[in-house]
Amino acid sequence: MAYEGVENYCHSEYDWSVAEENPNIMKIEMGEETDSAYQVVFHSYTGALVYFYVEKASGTTKIVEYVPNLDVKNEVGTINLLDYTRQFK
């Protein structure tokens, strides 16, 4: 459910048209898991990574953008990931 919600969110918020000819330049993958949260990672064609920290109990998701080349990390907000699993069913 965490992966599905992040995938739906990313497809609604980010422009995927740049990856039409080369789908490998953008992807979503599961990251680490703890007892209370899942981490899902979006890889942008720009090289930026967006980390989604999904609380298992509530679906509340913290979003953190990271640009490895500049070593810049910013928390950009939160969403309720359950909104993105329900709306796309």
C-alpha atoms as a PDB file:
ATOM      1  CA  MET A   1       0.000   0.000   0.000  1.00  0.00           C
ATOM      2  CA  ALA A   2       2.881   2.417   0.751  1.00  0.00           C
ATOM      3  CA  TYR A   3       4.435   1.787  -2.660  1.00  0.00           C
ATOM      4  CA  GLU A   4       1.078   2.127  -4.447  1.00  0.00           C
ATOM      5  CA  GLY A   5       0.264   5.392  -2.685  1.00  0.00           C
ATOM      6  CA  VAL A   6       3.655   6.940  -3.412  1.00  0.00           C
ATOM      7  CA  GLU A   7       3.467   5.807  -7.017  1.00  0.00           C
ATOM      8  CA  ASN A   8       0.033   7.410  -7.421  1.00  0.00           C
ATOM      9  CA  TYR A   9       1.248  10.604  -5.716  1.00  0.00           C
ATOM     10  CA  CYS A  10       4.363  10.834  -7.897  1.00  0.00           C
ATOM     11  CA  HIS A  11       2.418  10.256 -11.116  1.00  0.00           C
ATOM     12  CA  SER A  12      -0.009  13.014 -10.161  1.00  0.00           C
ATOM     13  CA  GLU A  13       2.607  15.539  -8.966  1.00  0.00           C
ATOM     14  CA  TYR A  14       5.625  15.041 -11.253  1.00  0.00           C
ATOM     15  CA  ASP A  15       5.946  15.243 -15.035  1.00  0.00           C
ATOM     16  CA  TRP A  16       6.787  11.762 -16.312  1.00  0.00           C
ATOM     17  CA  SER A  17       6.767  12.737 -19.995  1.00  0.00           C
ATOM     18  CA  VAL A  18      10.564  13.096 -19.963  1.00  0.00           C
ATOM     19  CA  ALA A  19      10.787   9.381 -19.180  1.00  0.00           C
ATOM     20  CA  GLU A  20       8.518   8.201 -22.004  1.00  0.00           C
ATOM     21  CA  GLU A  21      11.400   7.269 -24.281  1.00  0.00           C
ATOM     22  CA  ASN A  22      13.672   6.115 -21.468  1.00  0.00           C
ATOM     23  CA  PRO A  23      11.601   4.891 -18.485  1.00  0.00           C
ATOM     24  CA  ASN A  24      14.749   3.974 -16.545  1.00  0.00           C
ATOM     25  CA  ILE A  25      15.547   7.629 -15.771  1.00  0.00           C
ATOM     26  CA  MET A  26      12.665   7.869 -13.281  1.00  0.00           C
ATOM     27  CA  LYS A  27      11.629   5.202 -10.809  1.00  0.00           C
ATOM     28  CA  ILE A  28      10.100   4.426  -7.446  1.00  0.00           C
ATOM     29  CA  GLU A  29      11.474   1.801  -5.091  1.00  0.00           C
ATOM     30  CA  MET A  30      10.996   0.592  -1.562  1.00  0.00           C
ATOM     31  CA  GLY A  31      13.631   1.738   0.899  1.00  0.00           C
ATOM     32  CA  GLU A  32      14.213   0.741   4.499  1.00  0.00           C
ATOM     33  CA  GLU A  33      11.480  -0.459   6.829  1.00  0.00           C
ATOM     34  CA  THR A  34      11.220   0.018  10.577  1.00  0.00           C
ATOM     35  CA  ASP A  35       8.640  -1.273  13.036  1.00  0.00           C
ATOM     36  CA  SER A  36       6.591   1.897  12.573  1.00  0.00           C
ATOM     37  CA  ALA A  37       7.338   3.197   9.065  1.00  0.00           C
ATOM     38  CA  TYR A  38       8.088   2.399   5.442  1.00  0.00           C
ATOM     39  CA  GLN A  39      10.489   4.392   3.319  1.00  0.00           C
ATOM     40  CA  VAL A  40       9.707   4.727  -0.381  1.00  0.00           C
ATOM     41  CA  VAL A  41      12.155   6.526  -2.691  1.00  0.00           C
ATOM     42  CA  PHE A  42      11.379   8.398  -5.909  1.00  0.00           C
ATOM     43  CA  HIS A  43      14.337   8.857  -8.275  1.00  0.00           C
ATOM     44  CA  SER A  44      13.919  11.866 -10.564  1.00  0.00           C
ATOM     45  CA  TYR A  45      15.537  12.247 -13.964  1.00  0.00           C
ATOM     46  CA  THR A  46      17.334  15.296 -12.506  1.00  0.00           C
ATOM     47  CA  GLY A  47      19.259  13.127 -10.051  1.00  0.00           C
ATOM     48  CA  ALA A  48      17.228  14.300  -7.072  1.00  0.00           C
ATOM     49  CA  LEU A  49      15.777  11.788  -4.645  1.00  0.00           C
ATOM     50  CA  VAL A  50      12.491  12.232  -2.843  1.00  0.00           C
ATOM     51  CA  TYR A  51      12.098  10.177   0.311  1.00  0.00           C
ATOM     52  CA  PHE A  52       8.627   9.321   1.556  1.00  0.00           C
ATOM     53  CA  TYR A  53       8.461   8.203   5.196  1.00  0.00           C
ATOM     54  CA  VAL A  54       5.090   6.476   5.610  1.00  0.00           C
ATOM     55  CA  GLU A  55       3.809   5.837   9.135  1.00  0.00           C
ATOM     56  CA  LYS A  56       2.305   2.359   9.113  1.00  0.00           C
ATOM     57  CA  ALA A  57      -0.473   3.088  11.607  1.00  0.00           C
ATOM     58  CA  SER A  58      -1.864   6.284  10.073  1.00  0.00           C
ATOM     59  CA  GLY A  59      -0.586   6.702   6.517  1.00  0.00           C
ATOM     60  CA  THR A  60       0.836  10.109   7.429  1.00  0.00           C
ATOM     61  CA  THR A  61       3.792  10.621   5.135  1.00  0.00           C
ATOM     62  CA  LYS A  62       6.728  13.006   5.523  1.00  0.00           C
ATOM     63  CA  ILE A  63       8.339  14.070   2.237  1.00  0.00           C
ATOM     64  CA  VAL A  64      12.050  14.908   2.124  1.00  0.00           C
ATOM     65  CA  GLU A  65      13.827  16.017  -1.056  1.00  0.00           C
ATOM     66  CA  TYR A  66      17.536  15.319  -1.378  1.00  0.00           C
ATOM     67  CA  VAL A  67      19.929  16.529  -4.091  1.00  0.00           C
ATOM     68  CA  PRO A  68      23.038  14.322  -3.774  1.00  0.00           C
ATOM     69  CA  ASN A  69      25.265  16.451  -6.052  1.00  0.00           C
ATOM     70  CA  LEU A  70      24.743  19.493  -3.824  1.00  0.00           C
ATOM     71  CA  ASP A  71      24.280  17.545  -0.579  1.00  0.00           C
ATOM     72  CA  VAL A  72      21.076  19.512   0.083  1.00  0.00           C
ATOM     73  CA  LYS A  73      18.192  17.963   1.998  1.00  0.00           C
ATOM     74  CA  ASN A  74      14.848  19.696   2.648  1.00  0.00           C
ATOM     75  CA  GLU A  75      11.676  18.509   4.298  1.00  0.00           C
ATOM     76  CA  VAL A  76       8.967  19.723   1.938  1.00  0.00           C
ATOM     77  CA  GLY A  77       5.784  18.680   3.706  1.00  0.00           C
ATOM     78  CA  THR A  78       3.470  15.884   4.651  1.00  0.00           C
ATOM     79  CA  ILE A  79       0.545  14.131   3.015  1.00  0.00           C
ATOM     80  CA  ASN A  80      -1.925  11.491   4.060  1.00  0.00           C
ATOM     81  CA  LEU A  81      -0.936   8.675   1.758  1.00  0.00           C
ATOM     82  CA  LEU A  82      -4.301   6.989   2.237  1.00  0.00           C
ATOM     83  CA  ASP A  83      -5.742   9.785   0.071  1.00  0.00           C
ATOM     84  CA  TYR A  84      -3.606   8.512  -2.800  1.00  0.00           C
ATOM     85  CA  THR A  85      -4.523   4.868  -2.385  1.00  0.00           C
ATOM     86  CA  ARG A  86      -8.266   5.505  -2.297  1.00  0.00           C
ATOM     87  CA  GLN A  87      -8.589   8.097  -5.047  1.00  0.00           C
ATOM     88  CA  PHE A  88      -6.948   5.943  -7.695  1.00  0.00           C
ATOM     89  CA  LYS A  89      -8.926   2.731  -7.119  1.00  0.00           C
END
